[in-house]
Protein backbone atom coordinates (compact mmCIF):
# COMPACT_ATOMS: atom_id res chain seq x y z
CA MET A 1 -14.10 -23.71 0.05
CA ASN A 2 -17.36 -24.41 1.23
CA HIS A 3 -20.64 -23.97 0.30
CA LYS A 4 -21.90 -20.50 1.94
CA THR A 5 -18.33 -19.52 0.81
CA ILE A 6 -19.14 -19.84 -3.38
CA ILE A 7 -22.65 -18.76 -2.73
CA LEU A 8 -21.50 -15.67 -1.42
CA PHE A 9 -18.52 -15.25 -4.48
CA LEU A 10 -21.73 -16.17 -6.85
CA ILE A 11 -23.75 -13.36 -5.46
CA GLY A 12 -21.04 -10.99 -5.77
CA ILE A 13 -20.20 -11.95 -9.31
CA ALA A 14 -23.66 -11.71 -9.94
CA VAL A 15 -23.71 -8.10 -8.57
CA LEU A 16 -20.95 -7.70 -10.71
CA ALA A 17 -22.57 -8.98 -13.60
CA LEU A 18 -25.62 -6.77 -13.68
CA MET A 19 -23.76 -3.98 -13.19
CA VAL A 20 -21.65 -4.46 -16.70
CA ILE A 21 -25.53 -4.87 -18.52
CA PHE A 22 -26.57 -1.96 -16.92
CA ILE A 23 -23.93 0.34 -18.81
CA GLY A 24 -23.63 -2.01 -21.54
CA PRO A 25 -21.02 -5.07 -22.78
CA GLY A 26 -20.87 -3.36 -25.65
CA LYS A 27 -19.67 -0.17 -24.56
CA ILE A 28 -17.70 -2.06 -21.93
CA GLU A 29 -16.09 -4.78 -23.95
CA SER A 30 -14.93 -1.29 -26.60
CA ALA A 31 -13.34 0.25 -24.32
CA LEU A 32 -11.66 -2.59 -23.01
CA LYS A 33 -9.96 -2.67 -26.66
CA HIS A 34 -8.50 0.95 -26.31
CA ALA A 35 -6.81 0.52 -23.70
CA ASP A 36 -2.58 0.71 -23.90
CA PRO A 37 -1.38 -2.78 -22.76
CA TRP A 38 1.83 -1.13 -21.61
CA TYR A 39 0.30 0.47 -18.96
CA VAL A 40 -2.03 -2.26 -18.51
CA ALA A 41 1.74 -3.87 -17.86
CA LEU A 42 3.45 -0.92 -15.91
CA ALA A 43 0.16 -1.49 -13.52
CA VAL A 44 0.68 -4.99 -13.33
CA ILE A 45 4.21 -4.50 -12.10
CA VAL A 46 3.16 -1.96 -9.41
CA GLN A 47 1.17 -4.88 -8.29
CA PHE A 48 4.07 -7.06 -7.45
CA PHE A 49 5.68 -3.66 -6.09
CA ILE A 50 3.29 -3.22 -3.62
CA TYR A 51 3.90 -7.00 -2.76
CA GLY A 52 7.63 -6.34 -1.55
CA LEU A 53 7.13 -3.96 0.53
CA TRP A 54 3.72 -5.04 2.07
CA THR A 55 6.41 -7.98 2.73
CA GLN A 56 8.98 -5.91 3.55
CA ARG A 57 6.57 -3.92 6.08
CA TRP A 58 5.85 -7.87 7.81
CA SER A 59 9.24 -8.30 8.26
CA ILE A 60 9.76 -5.52 10.18
CA THR A 61 7.47 -6.47 13.20
CA ILE A 62 8.84 -10.77 12.38
CA HIS A 63 12.65 -9.37 13.51
CA SER A 64 11.78 -7.23 15.96
CA LEU A 65 11.10 -10.06 18.22
CA HIS A 66 13.77 -11.73 16.59
CA ILE A 67 11.91 -14.37 14.60
CA SER A 68 15.11 -16.28 12.02
CA ILE A 69 12.91 -16.54 9.01
CA LYS A 70 14.49 -15.25 5.45
CA LYS A 71 11.70 -12.61 2.97
CA ARG A 72 11.33 -15.57 0.53
CA HIS A 73 9.76 -17.50 2.95
CA ILE A 74 7.86 -14.32 4.32
CA PHE A 75 6.61 -13.62 0.70
CA PRO A 76 5.02 -16.48 0.23
CA MET A 77 3.01 -16.60 3.85
CA LEU A 78 1.71 -13.33 2.89
CA MET A 79 0.42 -13.95 -0.89
CA VAL A 80 -1.14 -17.07 0.75
CA GLY A 81 -2.89 -15.04 3.42
CA LEU A 82 -3.88 -12.00 0.74
CA ALA A 83 -5.74 -14.59 -1.09
CA VAL A 84 -7.43 -16.01 1.97
CA ASN A 85 -8.68 -12.08 2.71
CA ASN A 86 -10.07 -12.37 -0.59
CA ILE A 87 -11.77 -15.89 -0.82
CA THR A 88 -13.58 -15.06 3.04
CA PRO A 89 -16.37 -12.60 4.31
CA SER A 90 -14.06 -11.91 7.16
CA ALA A 91 -14.07 -7.74 7.22
CA ARG A 92 -11.03 -8.56 5.07
CA GLY A 93 -9.04 -10.14 8.10
CA GLY A 94 -9.33 -13.98 7.95
CA GLY A 95 -6.14 -14.40 6.35
CA GLU A 96 -4.37 -12.79 9.25
CA PRO A 97 -5.25 -16.38 11.56
CA VAL A 98 -3.94 -18.09 8.96
CA ARG A 99 -0.35 -15.79 8.44
CA ALA A 100 -0.10 -15.89 12.03
CA TYR A 101 -0.39 -20.05 11.23
CA MET A 102 2.29 -20.28 8.72
CA LEU A 103 4.78 -18.20 11.03
CA SER A 104 4.36 -20.09 14.02
CA LYS A 105 4.71 -23.94 12.69
CA TYR A 106 7.45 -22.74 9.64
CA ALA A 107 9.77 -20.17 12.46
CA ASN A 108 8.88 -22.91 15.28
CA VAL A 109 7.98 -20.03 17.51
CA PRO A 110 4.50 -19.96 20.02
CA LEU A 111 1.55 -18.48 17.86
CA GLU A 112 0.73 -16.14 19.83
CA ASN A 113 4.46 -14.08 19.00
CA ALA A 114 3.32 -14.91 15.36
CA LEU A 115 0.34 -13.34 15.89
CA ALA A 116 1.63 -10.15 18.05
CA THR A 117 3.51 -9.61 14.26
CA VAL A 118 0.92 -9.93 11.89
CA ILE A 119 -1.55 -7.90 14.44
CA ALA A 120 1.41 -4.79 14.90
CA ASP A 121 1.07 -5.69 10.67
CA ARG A 122 -2.04 -4.25 10.65
CA GLY A 123 -1.73 -1.77 12.72
CA LEU A 124 1.17 -0.10 10.16
CA ASP A 125 -1.82 -0.35 7.52
CA THR A 126 -4.10 1.26 9.73
CA PHE A 127 -2.89 4.45 10.89
CA PRO A 128 -2.41 5.75 7.83
CA PHE A 129 -5.37 4.62 6.29
CA VAL A 130 -7.73 6.44 9.13
CA VAL A 131 -5.95 9.38 7.95
CA LEU A 132 -6.64 9.07 4.38
CA ALA A 133 -10.07 8.20 5.23
CA ILE A 134 -10.41 11.47 7.08
CA ILE A 135 -9.16 13.57 3.95
CA THR A 136 -11.95 11.40 1.83
CA ILE A 137 -14.55 11.97 3.98
CA ILE A 138 -13.79 16.07 3.98
CA PHE A 139 -13.35 15.49 0.33
CA SER A 140 -16.02 13.65 -0.86
CA VAL A 141 -18.35 16.18 1.12
CA SER A 142 -17.65 18.73 -0.81
CA TYR A 143 -16.65 17.49 -3.93
CA LEU A 144 -18.12 14.19 -4.73
CA LYS A 145 -21.80 15.07 -3.78
CA LEU A 146 -22.45 11.75 -2.22
CA PRO A 147 -25.42 11.44 -0.40
CA GLU A 148 -25.89 12.19 3.12
CA LEU A 149 -26.47 8.60 3.89
CA VAL A 150 -23.78 7.79 2.50
CA VAL A 151 -21.18 9.78 4.43
CA ILE A 152 -22.58 9.32 7.72
CA GLY A 153 -22.28 5.45 6.88
CA LEU A 154 -18.60 6.29 6.21
CA ILE A 155 -18.11 7.82 9.11
CA ILE A 156 -20.12 5.21 10.92
CA SER A 157 -17.47 2.75 9.20
CA LEU A 158 -14.57 4.85 10.14
CA VAL A 159 -15.50 5.50 13.62
CA ALA A 160 -15.86 1.22 13.86
CA LEU A 161 -12.99 0.82 12.60
CA VAL A 162 -10.75 3.38 15.26
CA PHE A 163 -12.72 1.70 18.33
CA ALA A 164 -11.30 -1.51 16.98
CA PHE A 165 -8.41 -0.20 16.43
CA ILE A 166 -8.24 1.00 20.04
CA ILE A 167 -9.41 -2.03 21.58
CA ILE A 168 -6.60 -4.34 20.07
CA LEU A 169 -3.74 -1.47 21.11
CA TYR A 170 -5.55 -1.20 24.92
CA MET A 171 -5.83 -5.35 24.59
CA CYS A 172 -1.79 -5.27 23.93
CA ILE A 173 -0.65 -3.01 26.31
CA ASN A 174 -3.12 -3.62 29.78
CA GLU A 175 -2.37 -6.98 30.94
CA SER A 176 -5.59 -6.51 33.01
CA ALA A 177 -7.85 -5.08 30.48
CA GLY A 178 -6.20 -8.24 28.17
CA GLU A 179 -7.02 -11.11 30.89
CA ARG A 180 -11.39 -9.35 30.98
CA ILE A 181 -11.37 -9.48 27.74
CA THR A 182 -9.67 -12.93 27.15
CA LEU A 183 -11.71 -15.00 29.35
CA TRP A 184 -14.73 -13.06 28.12
CA GLY A 185 -14.05 -14.58 24.74
CA VAL A 186 -12.94 -18.30 26.65
CA ARG A 187 -16.47 -18.00 27.96
CA VAL A 188 -18.13 -17.93 24.68
CA VAL A 189 -15.54 -21.00 23.61
CA LYS A 190 -16.53 -23.08 26.93
CA ARG A 191 -20.29 -23.37 24.93
CA PHE A 192 -19.11 -25.35 22.04
CA SER A 193 -15.79 -26.68 23.21
CA LYS A 194 -15.57 -30.00 25.23
CA LYS A 195 -11.87 -29.84 26.89
CA LYS A 196 -11.60 -29.49 30.30
CA HIS A 197 -12.18 -25.52 31.02
CA HIS A 198 -9.60 -24.91 33.78
CA GLU A 199 -7.25 -26.03 31.04
CA ILE A 200 -9.09 -23.60 28.06
CA ASP A 201 -8.90 -20.68 30.50
CA LYS A 202 -5.17 -21.28 31.85
CA ARG A 203 -4.03 -21.67 28.12
CA ALA A 204 -5.93 -18.53 27.09
CA ILE A 205 -3.94 -16.61 29.90
CA GLU A 206 -0.57 -18.27 28.96
CA ALA A 207 -1.25 -17.24 25.16
CA MET A 208 -2.82 -13.17 26.17
CA ILE A 209 0.45 -13.00 28.85
CA GLY A 210 3.17 -14.13 25.19
CA PHE A 211 0.94 -12.14 23.14
CA GLN A 212 1.33 -8.97 24.63
CA ASN A 213 4.56 -9.29 25.84
CA SER A 214 5.37 -9.51 22.18
CA MET A 215 3.36 -6.34 21.71
CA LYS A 216 4.58 -4.72 24.20
CA VAL A 217 9.12 -5.50 23.00
CA MET A 218 7.58 -3.92 19.28
CA ILE A 219 6.32 -1.26 20.78
CA LYS A 220 9.27 -0.26 22.52
CA ASP A 221 11.56 -0.91 19.12
CA ARG A 222 11.69 2.44 17.82
CA ARG A 223 12.60 0.63 13.96
CA VAL A 224 9.42 -0.70 13.71
CA LEU A 225 7.44 3.33 13.84
CA LEU A 226 10.44 4.69 11.96
CA PHE A 227 10.66 2.46 9.12
CA GLY A 228 7.21 0.71 9.34
CA LEU A 229 4.75 4.28 9.70
CA PRO A 230 6.64 5.11 6.35
CA LEU A 231 6.63 2.35 4.51
CA SER A 232 2.96 1.88 5.22
CA PHE A 233 2.08 5.57 3.56
CA LEU A 234 4.21 4.49 1.05
CA ILE A 235 1.98 1.39 -0.03
CA TRP A 236 -0.88 3.41 -0.18
CA PHE A 237 0.28 6.19 -2.31
CA MET A 238 1.73 2.90 -5.12
CA GLU A 239 -1.73 1.67 -4.22
CA ILE A 240 -3.59 4.09 -5.80
CA THR A 241 -1.23 4.85 -8.48
CA ARG A 242 -1.85 2.00 -9.61
CA VAL A 243 -5.58 2.50 -10.01
CA TYR A 244 -4.49 5.82 -12.37
CA ILE A 245 -1.94 4.26 -14.53
CA VAL A 246 -5.03 1.70 -15.52
CA PHE A 247 -7.32 4.76 -16.40
CA SER A 248 -4.29 6.34 -18.19
CA SER A 249 -4.44 2.75 -19.60
CA PHE A 250 -7.68 4.43 -21.37
CA GLY A 251 -6.45 7.91 -21.63
CA THR A 252 -8.64 8.99 -19.25
CA PRO A 253 -6.42 9.97 -16.29
CA VAL A 254 -8.21 10.55 -13.18
CA PRO A 255 -7.24 13.58 -10.81
CA LEU A 256 -5.39 11.60 -8.00
CA GLU A 257 -7.34 13.32 -5.26
CA ILE A 258 -10.94 11.45 -6.34
CA ILE A 259 -9.29 7.62 -7.38
CA GLY A 260 -7.57 8.40 -3.86
CA ALA A 261 -10.81 8.94 -2.24
CA VAL A 262 -12.85 6.46 -4.18
CA PHE A 263 -10.05 4.05 -2.74
CA VAL A 264 -10.42 4.34 0.49
CA ILE A 265 -14.28 4.52 0.30
CA ALA A 266 -14.40 1.44 -1.76
CA THR A 267 -12.04 -0.12 1.02
CA LEU A 268 -14.44 0.78 3.90
CA ILE A 269 -17.33 -1.24 1.68
CA GLY A 270 -14.85 -4.40 1.04
CA MET A 271 -14.40 -4.03 5.04
CA ILE A 272 -18.31 -5.14 5.17
CA PRO A 273 -17.57 -8.64 6.27
CA LEU A 274 -20.73 -9.51 3.63
CA LEU A 275 -19.02 -10.57 0.44
CA PRO A 276 -15.14 -12.71 -0.07
CA GLY A 277 -12.78 -9.50 -0.67
CA GLY A 278 -16.18 -7.29 -1.22
CA LEU A 279 -16.59 -8.90 -5.07
CA GLY A 280 -19.31 -7.21 -6.06
CA ALA A 281 -19.56 -3.80 -3.34
CA ILE A 282 -16.46 -2.60 -4.25
CA ASP A 283 -16.57 -2.85 -8.07
CA GLY A 284 -20.30 -1.76 -8.22
CA VAL A 285 -19.16 1.61 -6.22
CA MET A 286 -15.62 2.24 -7.90
CA ILE A 287 -17.62 2.38 -11.29
CA VAL A 288 -20.33 4.67 -9.62
CA LEU A 289 -18.32 6.93 -7.53
CA TYR A 290 -15.62 7.29 -10.58
CA SER A 291 -18.90 8.11 -12.88
CA ALA A 292 -20.35 10.55 -10.77
CA ALA A 293 -17.18 12.00 -10.55
CA GLY A 294 -17.17 12.72 -14.55
CA VAL A 295 -15.77 9.75 -15.88
CA PRO A 296 -17.94 7.81 -18.82
CA PRO A 297 -19.76 4.82 -17.38
CA SER A 298 -17.38 2.63 -19.42
CA ILE A 299 -14.36 3.84 -19.03
CA SER A 300 -15.47 2.98 -15.37
CA ALA A 301 -16.50 -0.38 -15.70
CA ALA A 302 -13.93 -1.47 -18.42
CA ALA A 303 -10.72 0.19 -15.73
CA THR A 304 -12.54 -0.98 -12.86
CA ILE A 305 -12.40 -4.32 -14.06
CA VAL A 306 -8.86 -4.59 -15.34
CA GLU A 307 -8.02 -3.28 -11.86
CA ARG A 308 -9.59 -5.99 -10.35
CA LEU A 309 -8.26 -8.38 -12.38
CA ILE A 310 -4.71 -7.01 -10.94
CA SER A 311 -5.79 -5.89 -7.39
CA PHE A 312 -7.99 -9.13 -6.51
CA TRP A 313 -7.63 -11.68 -9.15
CA MET A 314 -4.00 -12.08 -9.99
CA THR A 315 -3.67 -11.71 -5.86
CA SER A 316 -5.78 -14.47 -5.08
CA PHE A 317 -4.47 -16.96 -8.48
CA ILE A 318 -0.89 -16.38 -6.62
CA GLY A 319 -1.89 -16.67 -2.95
CA MET A 320 -3.49 -20.40 -3.93
CA GLY A 321 -0.47 -21.07 -6.29
CA MET A 322 1.38 -20.76 -3.05
CA LEU A 323 -0.16 -23.20 -0.90
CA PRO A 324 2.21 -26.62 -2.15
CA TYR A 325 5.33 -24.68 -0.50
CA VAL A 326 3.89 -23.87 2.53
CA GLY A 327 2.74 -27.16 2.86
CA SER A 328 -1.34 -29.10 3.04
CA GLY A 329 -1.60 -28.19 6.90
CA VAL A 330 -2.37 -24.74 5.96
CA MET A 331 -4.89 -25.86 3.46
CA ASP A 332 -6.24 -27.96 6.31
CA LYS A 333 -6.11 -25.29 8.35
CA ILE A 334 -7.97 -23.23 5.66
CA THR A 335 -10.73 -25.46 5.48
CA GLU A 336 -10.72 -26.18 8.98
CA LYS A 337 -11.70 -22.39 9.22
CA PHE A 338 -13.40 -20.83 6.54
């Protein structure tokens, strides 16, 4: 990690520490001591099940392009990508180019083909999230009684997400639009590149054509939507279930609709590219919203800490531990990019 990322990490940890101090370290420590370890272990098992579902979903888009690779090789690439998402303030998208790079090198396929599988995988994840986000905003207005400015902010974030998704989808299926946007991006790159400009134009257009062709193949493959979308809804349900199990470990089961609403709102906050993995921001939002829903602040803080240890820190450590498996070249790529 570069110095900027380290500083942002420290800021995120500082924000969380201030929240803990405000609630009271003694109260949180007391709540943590009462957590049922069997429930926590069950939440960890659920998280590993989610890793398996993520791997299965990505493998669907990979195999739709007839890329030959086994799931046991897809899993470490997925985990490294998730870890990079967590350690970089890139709107939770920093790990996607790294995933594409690893798949391209390992399976010996063009980078644009590998990137298409990753974009399609994120697209499958985005659709159920948009549905859940719309339901959440309606629920938040009627139940959580969020301030008007917060609701407006959530709506703006959701609209921005949908707009970006539509633009990317339009680029994937419309050749002329893809070419125009690509050339615009090339003009930006030219300002900082010393390479011959005509070579950049040619390579960029060729890459875009390859990317579009790959996306069209996946869109026409019924298995991608038939199996990928239900899998995405199941993944979101399992993530909400994991949080429910964590709260249950403290003897304070929170209704699934409350957990779902808070989880979606926190995810929207985490998409803002300010802190690595939304560190500090997501934690703080979760604690405040659970407390607003009637959960004691000490329980809200303790459950959030345990939940983030499982979903954020465990994922990050496993992903970083997978780096030797995927090769030193990936680490160089990560260092170069971030």
